[in-house]
C-alpha atoms as a PDB file:
ATOM      1  CA  UNK A   1     125.234 139.204  41.271  1.00  0.00           C
ATOM      2  CA  UNK A   2     124.108 142.653  41.272  1.00  0.00           C
ATOM      3  CA  UNK A   3     121.315 144.520  42.960  1.00  0.00           C
ATOM      4  CA  UNK A   4     118.130 145.203  41.294  1.00  0.00           C
ATOM      5  CA  UNK A   5     117.722 149.148  41.290  1.00  0.00           C
ATOM      6  CA  UNK A   6     114.833 149.336  39.462  1.00  0.00           C
ATOM      7  CA  UNK A   7     113.950 150.924  35.993  1.00  0.00           C
ATOM      8  CA  UNK A   8     113.603 154.697  36.410  1.00  0.00           C
ATOM      9  CA  UNK A   9     110.031 155.837  35.232  1.00  0.00           C
ATOM     10  CA  UNK A  10     108.772 159.381  34.521  1.00  0.00           C
ATOM     11  CA  UNK A  11     107.386 160.894  37.255  1.00  0.00           C
ATOM     12  CA  UNK A  12     104.330 163.213  38.087  1.00  0.00           C
ATOM     13  CA  UNK A  13     103.108 166.563  39.279  1.00  0.00           C
ATOM     14  CA  UNK A  14     100.459 166.206  41.748  1.00  0.00           C
ATOM     15  CA  UNK A  15      97.524 168.762  42.425  1.00  0.00           C
ATOM     16  CA  UNK A  16      99.494 170.482  45.190  1.00  0.00           C
ATOM     17  CA  UNK A  17     102.580 170.599  42.759  1.00  0.00           C
ATOM     18  CA  UNK A  18     100.338 172.165  40.045  1.00  0.00           C
ATOM     19  CA  UNK A  19      99.440 175.068  42.363  1.00  0.00           C
ATOM     20  CA  UNK A  20     102.631 175.734  43.557  1.00  0.00           C
ATOM     21  CA  UNK A  21     103.858 175.822  39.531  1.00  0.00           C
ATOM     22  CA  UNK A  22     100.565 178.282  39.219  1.00  0.00           C
ATOM     23  CA  UNK A  23     101.994 180.526  42.074  1.00  0.00           C
ATOM     24  CA  UNK A  24     105.434 180.286  40.695  1.00  0.00           C
ATOM     25  CA  UNK A  25     104.806 181.416  37.518  1.00  0.00           C
ATOM     26  CA  UNK A  26     102.625 184.449  38.765  1.00  0.00           C
ATOM     27  CA  UNK A  27     105.504 185.453  41.139  1.00  0.00           C
ATOM     28  CA  UNK A  28     108.061 185.394  37.933  1.00  0.00           C
ATOM     29  CA  UNK A  29     105.724 187.906  36.007  1.00  0.00           C
ATOM     30  CA  UNK A  30     105.046 190.093  39.054  1.00  0.00           C
ATOM     31  CA  UNK A  31     108.515 190.295  39.806  1.00  0.00           C
ATOM     32  CA  UNK A  32     109.380 191.007  36.014  1.00  0.00           C
ATOM     33  CA  UNK A  33     106.985 193.474  36.167  1.00  0.00           C
ATOM     34  CA  UNK A  34     107.219 195.580  39.248  1.00  0.00           C
ATOM     35  CA  UNK A  35     110.856 194.796  39.855  1.00  0.00           C
ATOM     36  CA  UNK A  36     109.952 194.581  43.929  1.00  0.00           C
ATOM     37  CA  UNK A  37     112.957 192.824  45.609  1.00  0.00           C
ATOM     38  CA  UNK A  38     110.649 191.352  47.998  1.00  0.00           C
ATOM     39  CA  UNK A  39     108.766 189.537  45.024  1.00  0.00           C
ATOM     40  CA  UNK A  40     112.142 188.153  43.692  1.00  0.00           C
ATOM     41  CA  UNK A  41     112.844 186.604  47.238  1.00  0.00           C
ATOM     42  CA  UNK A  42     109.480 184.869  47.362  1.00  0.00           C
ATOM     43  CA  UNK A  43     110.405 183.867  43.968  1.00  0.00           C
ATOM     44  CA  UNK A  44     113.587 182.468  44.783  1.00  0.00           C
ATOM     45  CA  UNK A  45     111.662 180.507  47.880  1.00  0.00           C
ATOM     46  CA  UNK A  46     109.210 178.920  45.700  1.00  0.00           C
ATOM     47  CA  UNK A  47     112.059 177.663  43.432  1.00  0.00           C
ATOM     48  CA  UNK A  48     114.022 176.331  46.136  1.00  0.00           C
ATOM     49  CA  UNK A  49     111.020 174.559  47.289  1.00  0.00           C
ATOM     50  CA  UNK A  50     110.651 172.952  43.534  1.00  0.00           C
ATOM     51  CA  UNK A  51     114.230 172.404  42.982  1.00  0.00           C
ATOM     52  CA  UNK A  52     114.532 170.394  46.408  1.00  0.00           C
ATOM     53  CA  UNK A  53     111.255 168.601  45.586  1.00  0.00           C
ATOM     54  CA  UNK A  54     113.192 166.723  42.815  1.00  0.00           C
ATOM     55  CA  UNK A  55     116.566 166.714  44.243  1.00  0.00           C
ATOM     56  CA  UNK A  56     115.052 165.031  47.404  1.00  0.00           C
ATOM     57  CA  UNK A  57     112.827 162.547  45.776  1.00  0.00           C
ATOM     58  CA  UNK A  58     115.522 161.367  43.323  1.00  0.00           C
ATOM     59  CA  UNK A  59     117.986 160.472  46.467  1.00  0.00           C
ATOM     60  CA  UNK A  60     115.282 159.082  47.927  1.00  0.00           C
ATOM     61  CA  UNK A  61     115.098 156.560  45.332  1.00  0.00           C
ATOM     62  CA  UNK A  62     118.547 156.130  44.657  1.00  0.00           C
ATOM     63  CA  UNK A  63     120.226 152.695  45.239  1.00  0.00           C
ATOM     64  CA  UNK A  64     117.388 151.226  46.891  1.00  0.00           C
ATOM     65  CA  UNK A  65     116.464 147.850  45.841  1.00  0.00           C
ATOM     66  CA  UNK A  66     113.265 145.558  45.983  1.00  0.00           C
ATOM     67  CA  UNK A  67     112.840 141.930  46.586  1.00  0.00           C
ATOM     68  CA  UNK A  68     109.603 140.214  47.295  1.00  0.00           C
ATOM     69  CA  UNK A  69     108.651 136.674  49.293  1.00  0.00           C
ATOM     70  CA  UNK A  70     104.929 135.058  48.472  1.00  0.00           C
ATOM     71  CA  UNK A  71     103.144 132.109  49.288  1.00  0.00           C
ATOM     72  CA  UNK A  72     104.206 129.055  47.538  1.00  0.00           C
ATOM     73  CA  UNK A  73     100.662 128.553  46.361  1.00  0.00           C
ATOM     74  CA  UNK A  74      97.273 130.308  46.582  1.00  0.00           C
ATOM     75  CA  UNK A  75      93.436 129.737  45.530  1.00  0.00           C
ATOM     76  CA  UNK A  76      92.366 131.427  42.527  1.00  0.00           C
ATOM     77  CA  UNK A  77      90.189 134.203  43.007  1.00  0.00           C
ATOM     78  CA  UNK A  78      91.410 135.018  46.402  1.00  0.00           C
ATOM     79  CA  UNK A  79      93.467 138.027  47.755  1.00  0.00           C
ATOM     80  CA  UNK A  80      96.841 137.005  49.470  1.00  0.00           C
ATOM     81  CA  UNK A  81      99.560 138.879  50.990  1.00  0.00           C
ATOM     82  CA  UNK A  82     103.234 138.895  50.140  1.00  0.00           C
ATOM     83  CA  UNK A  83     105.874 140.494  51.687  1.00  0.00           C
ATOM     84  CA  UNK A  84     108.181 143.467  49.905  1.00  0.00           C
ATOM     85  CA  UNK A  85     111.739 144.427  51.294  1.00  0.00           C
ATOM     86  CA  UNK A  86     112.901 147.458  50.472  1.00  0.00           C
ATOM     87  CA  UNK A  87     116.638 147.624  51.142  1.00  0.00           C
ATOM     88  CA  UNK A  88     118.589 150.978  51.013  1.00  0.00           C
ATOM     89  CA  UNK A  89     122.087 150.346  49.674  1.00  0.00           C
ATOM     90  CA  UNK A  90     123.341 154.020  50.144  1.00  0.00           C
ATOM     91  CA  UNK A  91     126.015 154.910  52.703  1.00  0.00           C
ATOM     92  CA  UNK A  92     124.790 157.836  54.356  1.00  0.00           C
ATOM     93  CA  UNK A  93     121.756 159.203  52.643  1.00  0.00           C
ATOM     94  CA  UNK A  94     117.766 157.574  53.757  1.00  0.00           C
ATOM     95  CA  UNK A  95     115.204 156.638  52.198  1.00  0.00           C
ATOM     96  CA  UNK A  96     111.963 158.242  53.102  1.00  0.00           C
ATOM     97  CA  UNK A  97     108.217 158.053  52.497  1.00  0.00           C
ATOM     98  CA  UNK A  98     108.057 155.032  49.902  1.00  0.00           C
ATOM     99  CA  UNK A  99     105.018 153.692  48.985  1.00  0.00           C
ATOM    100  CA  UNK A 100     104.662 150.504  47.041  1.00  0.00           C
ATOM    101  CA  UNK A 101     102.242 150.123  43.899  1.00  0.00           C
ATOM    102  CA  UNK A 102     101.496 147.170  41.839  1.00  0.00           C
ATOM    103  CA  UNK A 103      99.051 147.637  38.450  1.00  0.00           C
ATOM    104  CA  UNK A 104      98.428 151.424  39.805  1.00  0.00           C
ATOM    105  CA  UNK A 105      96.838 150.326  43.266  1.00  0.00           C
ATOM    106  CA  UNK A 106      98.601 151.242  46.515  1.00  0.00           C
ATOM    107  CA  UNK A 107      99.602 147.936  48.438  1.00  0.00           C
ATOM    108  CA  UNK A 108     101.956 149.227  50.962  1.00  0.00           C
ATOM    109  CA  UNK A 109     103.997 151.880  52.708  1.00  0.00           C
ATOM    110  CA  UNK A 110     107.257 152.515  54.509  1.00  0.00           C
ATOM    111  CA  UNK A 111     107.945 155.868  56.133  1.00  0.00           C
ATOM    112  CA  UNK A 112     112.086 155.564  56.631  1.00  0.00           C
ATOM    113  CA  UNK A 113     114.727 153.199  55.608  1.00  0.00           C
ATOM    114  CA  UNK A 114     118.037 154.260  57.201  1.00  0.00           C
ATOM    115  CA  UNK A 115     121.379 153.953  55.174  1.00  0.00           C
ATOM    116  CA  UNK A 116     122.435 150.293  54.749  1.00  0.00           C
ATOM    117  CA  UNK A 117     119.351 148.802  56.220  1.00  0.00           C
ATOM    118  CA  UNK A 118     115.965 147.289  54.810  1.00  0.00           C
ATOM    119  CA  UNK A 119     112.265 147.525  55.844  1.00  0.00           C
ATOM    120  CA  UNK A 120     109.260 145.051  55.262  1.00  0.00           C
ATOM    121  CA  UNK A 121     106.113 145.986  53.861  1.00  0.00           C
ATOM    122  CA  UNK A 122     103.145 143.973  53.582  1.00  0.00           C
ATOM    123  CA  UNK A 123     101.337 144.087  50.140  1.00  0.00           C
ATOM    124  CA  UNK A 124      98.197 142.116  48.730  1.00  0.00           C
ATOM    125  CA  UNK A 125      97.238 141.013  45.232  1.00  0.00           C
ATOM    126  CA  UNK A 126      95.379 138.478  43.651  1.00  0.00           C
ATOM    127  CA  UNK A 127      95.364 135.893  40.694  1.00  0.00           C
ATOM    128  CA  UNK A 128      91.670 135.386  38.837  1.00  0.00           C
ATOM    129  CA  UNK A 129      92.933 132.477  36.849  1.00  0.00           C
ATOM    130  CA  UNK A 130      94.423 128.782  37.741  1.00  0.00           C
ATOM    131  CA  UNK A 131      97.937 128.330  36.670  1.00  0.00           C
ATOM    132  CA  UNK A 132     101.654 129.503  37.339  1.00  0.00           C
ATOM    133  CA  UNK A 133     102.146 132.946  37.412  1.00  0.00           C
ATOM    134  CA  UNK A 134     105.052 135.497  38.340  1.00  0.00           C
ATOM    135  CA  UNK A 135     104.534 138.509  40.680  1.00  0.00           C
ATOM    136  CA  UNK A 136     103.235 141.476  38.617  1.00  0.00           C
ATOM    137  CA  UNK A 137     106.012 144.061  38.429  1.00  0.00           C
ATOM    138  CA  UNK A 138     105.592 146.852  41.579  1.00  0.00           C
ATOM    139  CA  UNK A 139     106.526 150.518  41.623  1.00  0.00           C
ATOM    140  CA  UNK A 140     108.205 152.171  44.728  1.00  0.00           C
ATOM    141  CA  UNK A 141     106.772 155.639  44.741  1.00  0.00           C
ATOM    142  CA  UNK A 142     108.163 158.840  46.530  1.00  0.00           C
ATOM    143  CA  UNK A 143     106.579 162.353  46.833  1.00  0.00           C
ATOM    144  CA  UNK A 144     109.125 163.450  49.549  1.00  0.00           C
ATOM    145  CA  UNK A 145     109.559 165.533  50.781  1.00  0.00           C
ATOM    146  CA  UNK A 146     106.578 168.388  50.069  1.00  0.00           C
ATOM    147  CA  UNK A 147     104.305 165.981  47.944  1.00  0.00           C
ATOM    148  CA  UNK A 148     104.671 168.511  44.871  1.00  0.00           C
ATOM    149  CA  UNK A 149     106.343 165.583  42.614  1.00  0.00           C
ATOM    150  CA  UNK A 150     106.044 161.863  42.602  1.00  0.00           C
ATOM    151  CA  UNK A 151     108.948 159.971  41.200  1.00  0.00           C
ATOM    152  CA  UNK A 152     108.932 156.177  40.906  1.00  0.00           C
ATOM    153  CA  UNK A 153     110.768 152.926  39.849  1.00  0.00           C
ATOM    154  CA  UNK A 154     109.605 149.663  38.341  1.00  0.00           C
ATOM    155  CA  UNK A 155     110.871 146.762  39.836  1.00  0.00           C
ATOM    156  CA  UNK A 156     110.412 143.212  38.405  1.00  0.00           C
ATOM    157  CA  UNK A 157     111.838 139.557  39.829  1.00  0.00           C
ATOM    158  CA  UNK A 158     111.109 136.135  39.598  1.00  0.00           C
ATOM    159  CA  UNK A 159     108.966 134.909  42.187  1.00  0.00           C
ATOM    160  CA  UNK A 160     106.552 132.280  41.155  1.00  0.00           C
ATOM    161  CA  UNK A 161     103.142 131.747  42.620  1.00  0.00           C
ATOM    162  CA  UNK A 162     100.902 128.597  42.131  1.00  0.00           C
ATOM    163  CA  UNK A 163      97.363 129.339  41.980  1.00  0.00           C
ATOM    164  CA  UNK A 164      95.150 126.240  42.791  1.00  0.00           C
ATOM    165  CA  UNK A 165      91.930 125.839  41.557  1.00  0.00           C
ATOM    166  CA  UNK A 166      89.120 127.288  43.535  1.00  0.00           C
ATOM    167  CA  UNK A 167      88.487 124.215  46.149  1.00  0.00           C
ATOM    168  CA  UNK A 168      84.882 123.903  47.601  1.00  0.00           C
ATOM    169  CA  UNK A 169      83.454 120.613  49.697  1.00  0.00           C
ATOM    170  CA  UNK A 170      81.258 118.475  47.616  1.00  0.00           C
ATOM    171  CA  UNK A 171      78.583 115.815  48.198  1.00  0.00           C
ATOM    172  CA  UNK A 172      79.191 112.398  47.613  1.00  0.00           C
ATOM    173  CA  UNK A 173      75.862 112.153  45.442  1.00  0.00           C
ATOM    174  CA  UNK A 174      77.497 112.432  42.235  1.00  0.00           C
ATOM    175  CA  UNK A 175      79.886 109.815  43.021  1.00  0.00           C
ATOM    176  CA  UNK A 176      77.519 107.060  44.181  1.00  0.00           C
ATOM    177  CA  UNK A 177      75.363 107.379  41.043  1.00  0.00           C
ATOM    178  CA  UNK A 178      78.272 107.017  39.170  1.00  0.00           C
ATOM    179  CA  UNK A 179      79.425 103.941  41.114  1.00  0.00           C
ATOM    180  CA  UNK A 180      76.576 101.687  40.000  1.00  0.00           C
ATOM    181  CA  UNK A 181      77.901 100.545  37.200  1.00  0.00           C
ATOM    182  CA  UNK A 182      81.193  99.498  38.251  1.00  0.00           C
ATOM    183  CA  UNK A 183      82.337  96.914  40.509  1.00  0.00           C
ATOM    184  CA  UNK A 184      86.365  96.301  42.002  1.00  0.00           C
ATOM    185  CA  UNK A 185      87.237  94.024  44.859  1.00  0.00           C
ATOM    186  CA  UNK A 186      86.606  95.413  48.082  1.00  0.00           C
ATOM    187  CA  UNK A 187      89.319  96.138  50.756  1.00  0.00           C
ATOM    188  CA  UNK A 188      86.993  96.046  53.784  1.00  0.00           C
ATOM    189  CA  UNK A 189      86.288  92.814  55.356  1.00  0.00           C
ATOM    190  CA  UNK A 190      83.780  91.887  58.031  1.00  0.00           C
ATOM    191  CA  UNK A 191      79.757  92.657  58.041  1.00  0.00           C
ATOM    192  CA  UNK A 192      79.121  94.551  54.631  1.00  0.00           C
ATOM    193  CA  UNK A 193      81.443  96.964  53.055  1.00  0.00           C
ATOM    194  CA  UNK A 194      79.821 100.152  53.014  1.00  0.00           C
ATOM    195  CA  UNK A 195      80.336 101.097  56.552  1.00  0.00           C
ATOM    196  CA  UNK A 196      83.943 102.651  57.310  1.00  0.00           C
ATOM    197  CA  UNK A 197      83.925 104.050  60.965  1.00  0.00           C
ATOM    198  CA  UNK A 198      82.673 106.945  62.943  1.00  0.00           C
ATOM    199  CA  UNK A 199      83.866 110.251  62.591  1.00  0.00           C
ATOM    200  CA  UNK A 200      82.719 113.641  63.654  1.00  0.00           C
ATOM    201  CA  UNK A 201      80.049 115.629  61.703  1.00  0.00           C
ATOM    202  CA  UNK A 202      81.112 117.390  58.511  1.00  0.00           C
ATOM    203  CA  UNK A 203      78.988 120.485  57.088  1.00  0.00           C
ATOM    204  CA  UNK A 204      77.613 118.723  54.285  1.00  0.00           C
ATOM    205  CA  UNK A 205      76.927 115.342  55.740  1.00  0.00           C
ATOM    206  CA  UNK A 206      73.519 113.554  55.555  1.00  0.00           C
ATOM    207  CA  UNK A 207      71.960 113.775  58.677  1.00  0.00           C
ATOM    208  CA  UNK A 208      70.512 110.318  58.562  1.00  0.00           C
ATOM    209  CA  UNK A 209      73.984 109.064  59.034  1.00  0.00           C
ATOM    210  CA  UNK A 210      74.217 110.989  62.455  1.00  0.00           C
ATOM    211  CA  UNK A 211      74.643 108.132  65.375  1.00  0.00           C
ATOM    212  CA  UNK A 212      72.636 110.083  67.949  1.00  0.00           C
ATOM    213  CA  UNK A 213      73.407 107.601  70.823  1.00  0.00           C
ATOM    214  CA  UNK A 214      77.362 108.113  70.276  1.00  0.00           C
ATOM    215  CA  UNK A 215      76.509 111.664  69.785  1.00  0.00           C
ATOM    216  CA  UNK A 216      74.940 112.512  72.876  1.00  0.00           C
ATOM    217  CA  UNK A 217      77.666 110.416  75.192  1.00  0.00           C
ATOM    218  CA  UNK A 218      80.361 112.150  73.673  1.00  0.00           C
ATOM    219  CA  UNK A 219      78.769 115.708  73.342  1.00  0.00           C
ATOM    220  CA  UNK A 220      79.392 116.310  69.718  1.00  0.00           C
ATOM    221  CA  UNK A 221      77.523 115.028  66.566  1.00  0.00           C
ATOM    222  CA  UNK A 222      79.037 111.855  65.248  1.00  0.00           C
ATOM    223  CA  UNK A 223      78.240 110.211  61.737  1.00  0.00           C
ATOM    224  CA  UNK A 224      78.610 106.900  60.183  1.00  0.00           C
ATOM    225  CA  UNK A 225      81.566 107.136  57.572  1.00  0.00           C
ATOM    226  CA  UNK A 226      80.318 105.339  54.591  1.00  0.00           C
ATOM    227  CA  UNK A 227      82.225 103.992  51.527  1.00  0.00           C
ATOM    228  CA  UNK A 228      81.465 105.318  48.276  1.00  0.00           C
ATOM    229  CA  UNK A 229      80.342 102.338  46.003  1.00  0.00           C
ATOM    230  CA  UNK A 230      82.337  99.503  47.557  1.00  0.00           C
ATOM    231  CA  UNK A 231      85.857 100.716  47.645  1.00  0.00           C
ATOM    232  CA  UNK A 232      87.919 103.492  49.362  1.00  0.00           C
ATOM    233  CA  UNK A 233      90.340 103.414  47.004  1.00  0.00           C
ATOM    234  CA  UNK A 234      89.913 106.117  43.966  1.00  0.00           C
ATOM    235  CA  UNK A 235      91.322 107.244  41.081  1.00  0.00           C
ATOM    236  CA  UNK A 236      90.241 109.878  38.994  1.00  0.00           C
ATOM    237  CA  UNK A 237      90.392 109.806  35.274  1.00  0.00           C
ATOM    238  CA  UNK A 238      90.741 113.465  33.627  1.00  0.00           C
ATOM    239  CA  UNK A 239      90.605 113.690  29.939  1.00  0.00           C
ATOM    240  CA  UNK A 240      92.176 117.110  29.215  1.00  0.00           C
ATOM    241  CA  UNK A 241      92.085 116.545  25.431  1.00  0.00           C
ATOM    242  CA  UNK A 242      90.771 119.420  23.192  1.00  0.00           C
ATOM    243  CA  UNK A 243      87.160 119.499  21.909  1.00  0.00           C
ATOM    244  CA  UNK A 244      85.526 121.623  19.261  1.00  0.00           C
ATOM    245  CA  UNK A 245      83.670 123.671  21.511  1.00  0.00           C
ATOM    246  CA  UNK A 246      83.300 127.497  21.823  1.00  0.00           C
ATOM    247  CA  UNK A 247      83.030 127.375  25.517  1.00  0.00           C
ATOM    248  CA  UNK A 248      85.669 125.195  25.978  1.00  0.00           C
ATOM    249  CA  UNK A 249      88.155 127.070  28.170  1.00  0.00           C
ATOM    250  CA  UNK A 250      85.420 127.676  30.492  1.00  0.00           C
ATOM    251  CA  UNK A 251      84.306 124.122  30.669  1.00  0.00           C
ATOM    252  CA  UNK A 252      87.734 123.187  31.195  1.00  0.00           C
ATOM    253  CA  UNK A 253      88.318 125.238  33.806  1.00  0.00           C
ATOM    254  CA  UNK A 254      84.906 124.044  35.725  1.00  0.00           C
ATOM    255  CA  UNK A 255      85.813 120.439  35.426  1.00  0.00           C
ATOM    256  CA  UNK A 256      89.338 121.288  36.937  1.00  0.00           C
ATOM    257  CA  UNK A 257      87.673 122.960  39.618  1.00  0.00           C
ATOM    258  CA  UNK A 258      85.002 119.840  40.233  1.00  0.00           C
ATOM    259  CA  UNK A 259      87.779 117.166  39.730  1.00  0.00           C
ATOM    260  CA  UNK A 260      90.206 118.861  42.557  1.00  0.00           C
ATOM    261  CA  UNK A 261      87.257 119.511  44.795  1.00  0.00           C
ATOM    262  CA  UNK A 262      85.871 115.929  44.659  1.00  0.00           C
ATOM    263  CA  UNK A 263      89.608 114.740  45.187  1.00  0.00           C
ATOM    264  CA  UNK A 264      90.570 117.020  48.232  1.00  0.00           C
ATOM    265  CA  UNK A 265      87.009 116.157  49.757  1.00  0.00           C
ATOM    266  CA  UNK A 266      87.588 112.706  49.486  1.00  0.00           C
ATOM    267  CA  UNK A 267      91.057 112.985  50.946  1.00  0.00           C
ATOM    268  CA  UNK A 268      89.699 114.916  53.854  1.00  0.00           C
ATOM    269  CA  UNK A 269      87.641 111.537  54.736  1.00  0.00           C
ATOM    270  CA  UNK A 270      90.616 109.474  54.628  1.00  0.00           C
ATOM    271  CA  UNK A 271      90.017 108.188  51.058  1.00  0.00           C
ATOM    272  CA  UNK A 272      93.311 106.972  48.978  1.00  0.00           C
ATOM    273  CA  UNK A 273      92.638 109.065  45.938  1.00  0.00           C
ATOM    274  CA  UNK A 274      94.784 109.086  42.598  1.00  0.00           C
ATOM    275  CA  UNK A 275      94.629 111.007  39.429  1.00  0.00           C
ATOM    276  CA  UNK A 276      95.268 110.050  35.761  1.00  0.00           C
ATOM    277  CA  UNK A 277      95.514 112.361  32.625  1.00  0.00           C
ATOM    278  CA  UNK A 278      96.870 111.885  29.150  1.00  0.00           C
ATOM    279  CA  UNK A 279     100.383 113.813  30.489  1.00  0.00           C
ATOM    280  CA  UNK A 280     100.399 113.095  34.320  1.00  0.00           C
ATOM    281  CA  UNK A 281      99.436 110.495  36.981  1.00  0.00           C
ATOM    282  CA  UNK A 282      99.645 110.506  40.532  1.00  0.00           C
ATOM    283  CA  UNK A 283      99.615 107.286  42.197  1.00  0.00           C
ATOM    284  CA  UNK A 284      96.937 106.553  44.579  1.00  0.00           C
ATOM    285  CA  UNK A 285      97.697 108.083  48.407  1.00  0.00           C
ATOM    286  CA  UNK A 286      96.320 110.057  51.172  1.00  0.00           C
ATOM    287  CA  UNK A 287      97.165 112.674  53.644  1.00  0.00           C
ATOM    288  CA  UNK A 288      98.403 116.277  53.306  1.00  0.00           C
ATOM    289  CA  UNK A 289     101.311 115.371  51.092  1.00  0.00           C
ATOM    290  CA  UNK A 290      98.893 113.548  48.645  1.00  0.00           C
ATOM    291  CA  UNK A 291      96.506 116.648  48.804  1.00  0.00           C
ATOM    292  CA  UNK A 292      99.643 118.915  47.830  1.00  0.00           C
ATOM    293  CA  UNK A 293     100.601 116.740  44.884  1.00  0.00           C
ATOM    294  CA  UNK A 294      97.032 116.720  43.299  1.00  0.00           C
ATOM    295  CA  UNK A 295      96.928 120.558  43.651  1.00  0.00           C
ATOM    296  CA  UNK A 296     100.133 121.201  42.527  1.00  0.00           C
ATOM    297  CA  UNK A 297      99.281 118.797  39.441  1.00  0.00           C
ATOM    298  CA  UNK A 298      95.858 120.772  39.053  1.00  0.00           C
ATOM    299  CA  UNK A 299      97.660 124.049  38.897  1.00  0.00           C
ATOM    300  CA  UNK A 300      99.847 123.109  35.710  1.00  0.00           C
ATOM    301  CA  UNK A 301      97.425 121.082  33.727  1.00  0.00           C
ATOM    302  CA  UNK A 302      96.936 122.736  30.700  1.00  0.00           C
ATOM    303  CA  UNK A 303      94.719 121.094  27.454  1.00  0.00           C
ATOM    304  CA  UNK A 304      96.589 118.849  25.086  1.00  0.00           C
ATOM    305  CA  UNK A 305      95.460 118.446  21.339  1.00  0.00           C
ATOM    306  CA  UNK A 306      92.609 116.142  20.461  1.00  0.00           C
ATOM    307  CA  UNK A 307      94.628 113.663  18.529  1.00  0.00           C
ATOM    308  CA  UNK A 308      97.391 113.617  21.177  1.00  0.00           C
ATOM    309  CA  UNK A 309      97.894 110.517  23.377  1.00  0.00           C
ATOM    310  CA  UNK A 310      95.573 107.745  21.284  1.00  0.00           C
ATOM    311  CA  UNK A 311      96.797 105.082  23.695  1.00  0.00           C
ATOM    312  CA  UNK A 312      94.931 106.679  26.562  1.00  0.00           C
ATOM    313  CA  UNK A 313      91.513 104.367  26.378  1.00  0.00           C
ATOM    314  CA  UNK A 314      94.261 101.832  26.909  1.00  0.00           C
ATOM    315  CA  UNK A 315      95.702 103.058  29.755  1.00  0.00           C
ATOM    316  CA  UNK A 316      92.132 103.355  31.376  1.00  0.00           C
ATOM    317  CA  UNK A 317      91.185  99.760  30.146  1.00  0.00           C
ATOM    318  CA  UNK A 318      94.226  98.297  31.942  1.00  0.00           C
ATOM    319  CA  UNK A 319      93.571 100.063  35.229  1.00  0.00           C
ATOM    320  CA  UNK A 320      90.122  98.907  35.178  1.00  0.00           C
ATOM    321  CA  UNK A 321      91.719  95.109  36.393  1.00  0.00           C
ATOM    322  CA  UNK A 322      93.186  97.093  39.471  1.00  0.00           C
ATOM    323  CA  UNK A 323      91.973  97.270  42.817  1.00  0.00           C
ATOM    324  CA  UNK A 324      90.808 101.100  42.622  1.00  0.00           C
ATOM    325  CA  UNK A 325      87.789 102.130  41.367  1.00  0.00           C
ATOM    326  CA  UNK A 326      87.655 104.653  38.097  1.00  0.00           C
ATOM    327  CA  UNK A 327      85.696 107.942  37.675  1.00  0.00           C
ATOM    328  CA  UNK A 328      85.864 109.417  34.479  1.00  0.00           C
ATOM    329  CA  UNK A 329      85.700 113.051  33.984  1.00  0.00           C
ATOM    330  CA  UNK A 330      85.627 114.713  30.551  1.00  0.00           C
ATOM    331  CA  UNK A 331      85.530 118.445  28.889  1.00  0.00           C
ATOM    332  CA  UNK A 332      83.240 116.750  26.371  1.00  0.00           C
ATOM    333  CA  UNK A 333      79.610 117.005  26.860  1.00  0.00           C
ATOM    334  CA  UNK A 334      78.435 114.366  24.659  1.00  0.00           C
ATOM    335  CA  UNK A 335      80.483 111.957  27.241  1.00  0.00           C
ATOM    336  CA  UNK A 336      78.272 113.036  30.402  1.00  0.00           C
ATOM    337  CA  UNK A 337      75.194 111.305  29.809  1.00  0.00           C
ATOM    338  CA  UNK A 338      76.776 108.303  28.376  1.00  0.00           C
ATOM    339  CA  UNK A 339      77.267 106.339  31.728  1.00  0.00           C
ATOM    340  CA  UNK A 340      80.326 104.404  30.346  1.00  0.00           C
ATOM    341  CA  UNK A 341      83.321 105.810  28.903  1.00  0.00           C
ATOM    342  CA  UNK A 342      85.553 102.908  28.278  1.00  0.00           C
ATOM    343  CA  UNK A 343      83.747  99.546  29.449  1.00  0.00           C
ATOM    344  CA  UNK A 344      83.262  99.430  33.392  1.00  0.00           C
ATOM    345  CA  UNK A 345      84.648 102.775  33.882  1.00  0.00           C
ATOM    346  CA  UNK A 346      81.638 105.476  34.949  1.00  0.00           C
ATOM    347  CA  UNK A 347      81.519 108.820  33.606  1.00  0.00           C
ATOM    348  CA  UNK A 348      80.503 111.669  35.972  1.00  0.00           C
ATOM    349  CA  UNK A 349      78.122 114.374  34.844  1.00  0.00           C
ATOM    350  CA  UNK A 350      79.409 117.893  36.092  1.00  0.00           C
ATOM    351  CA  UNK A 351      75.535 118.720  36.957  1.00  0.00           C
ATOM    352  CA  UNK A 352      75.140 116.013  39.411  1.00  0.00           C
ATOM    353  CA  UNK A 353      77.892 117.341  41.725  1.00  0.00           C
ATOM    354  CA  UNK A 354      76.423 119.325  44.400  1.00  0.00           C
ATOM    355  CA  UNK A 355      78.781 121.353  46.717  1.00  0.00           C
ATOM    356  CA  UNK A 356      78.175 121.467  50.334  1.00  0.00           C
END
């Protein structure tokens, strides 16, 4: 496999380069009009500097490769750092004064890369939308040695980054309201099935759940962990079928963020959470591995056609008999106020979701 030496792009003359060209033109006219040997000597020196700028910049970028390492996944709208490795494949000549630019914005700088060696530079970028993306092309720019001329090469690679939806801690109010219309067998035995355990206070918890005596004894706030409805196993049913709405794309992304935020909040509270969509299914589970599976799926979810998967309702009905509470989320605003999408399955209204 060959090295990626990038694509050469025409450089640009800097402001100082324009000044030198103006001086060079004046020297040429003066030398031709006066015939002074001193002017010819100065003219030759300026010409040599301009010629050396082009030659040195070209040799600095010659046989230089760039490959990048990025995080596996990031959240949308958040800047993240990646590492650009600049390798100098020349045998004798070093690469000097290299600047990394991405979409016209400087993002990293390396002063000196010896022949046969490589250097690393940190750069940053940001994705504003959820999905799977490749890192955008980057330019390697040099103005060595005098800054009169900038030459650049463009590099592309196949580094992919998963962009997760934005995750925010959510309160349980919306799920508690949606739980009133569904009953499933409880897994918790003993006196009452709402209480689960004591845990440390998390920002957004109801202060009425604080156990003051235990908190005073331990020196940290402790709260009663309460179940949502009557089970700690919840499967989110996310209907990704298209609807006829001018704001469909924005509403779809909002529903994705709400679903992901609720699921991650429940996982952090030791619930077992699963996901069902027309095209994907994640079995209920808990822990960090389950969180990554859910977020990976959320990053890749795309809308499906409205007439696709006509058996989706039947899948939901079959799930209603399992030992898991179902919560239905739809992109269709007409479903939000109905209370039940399929018999026994509550439809969650996004307007009820409050972030901590």
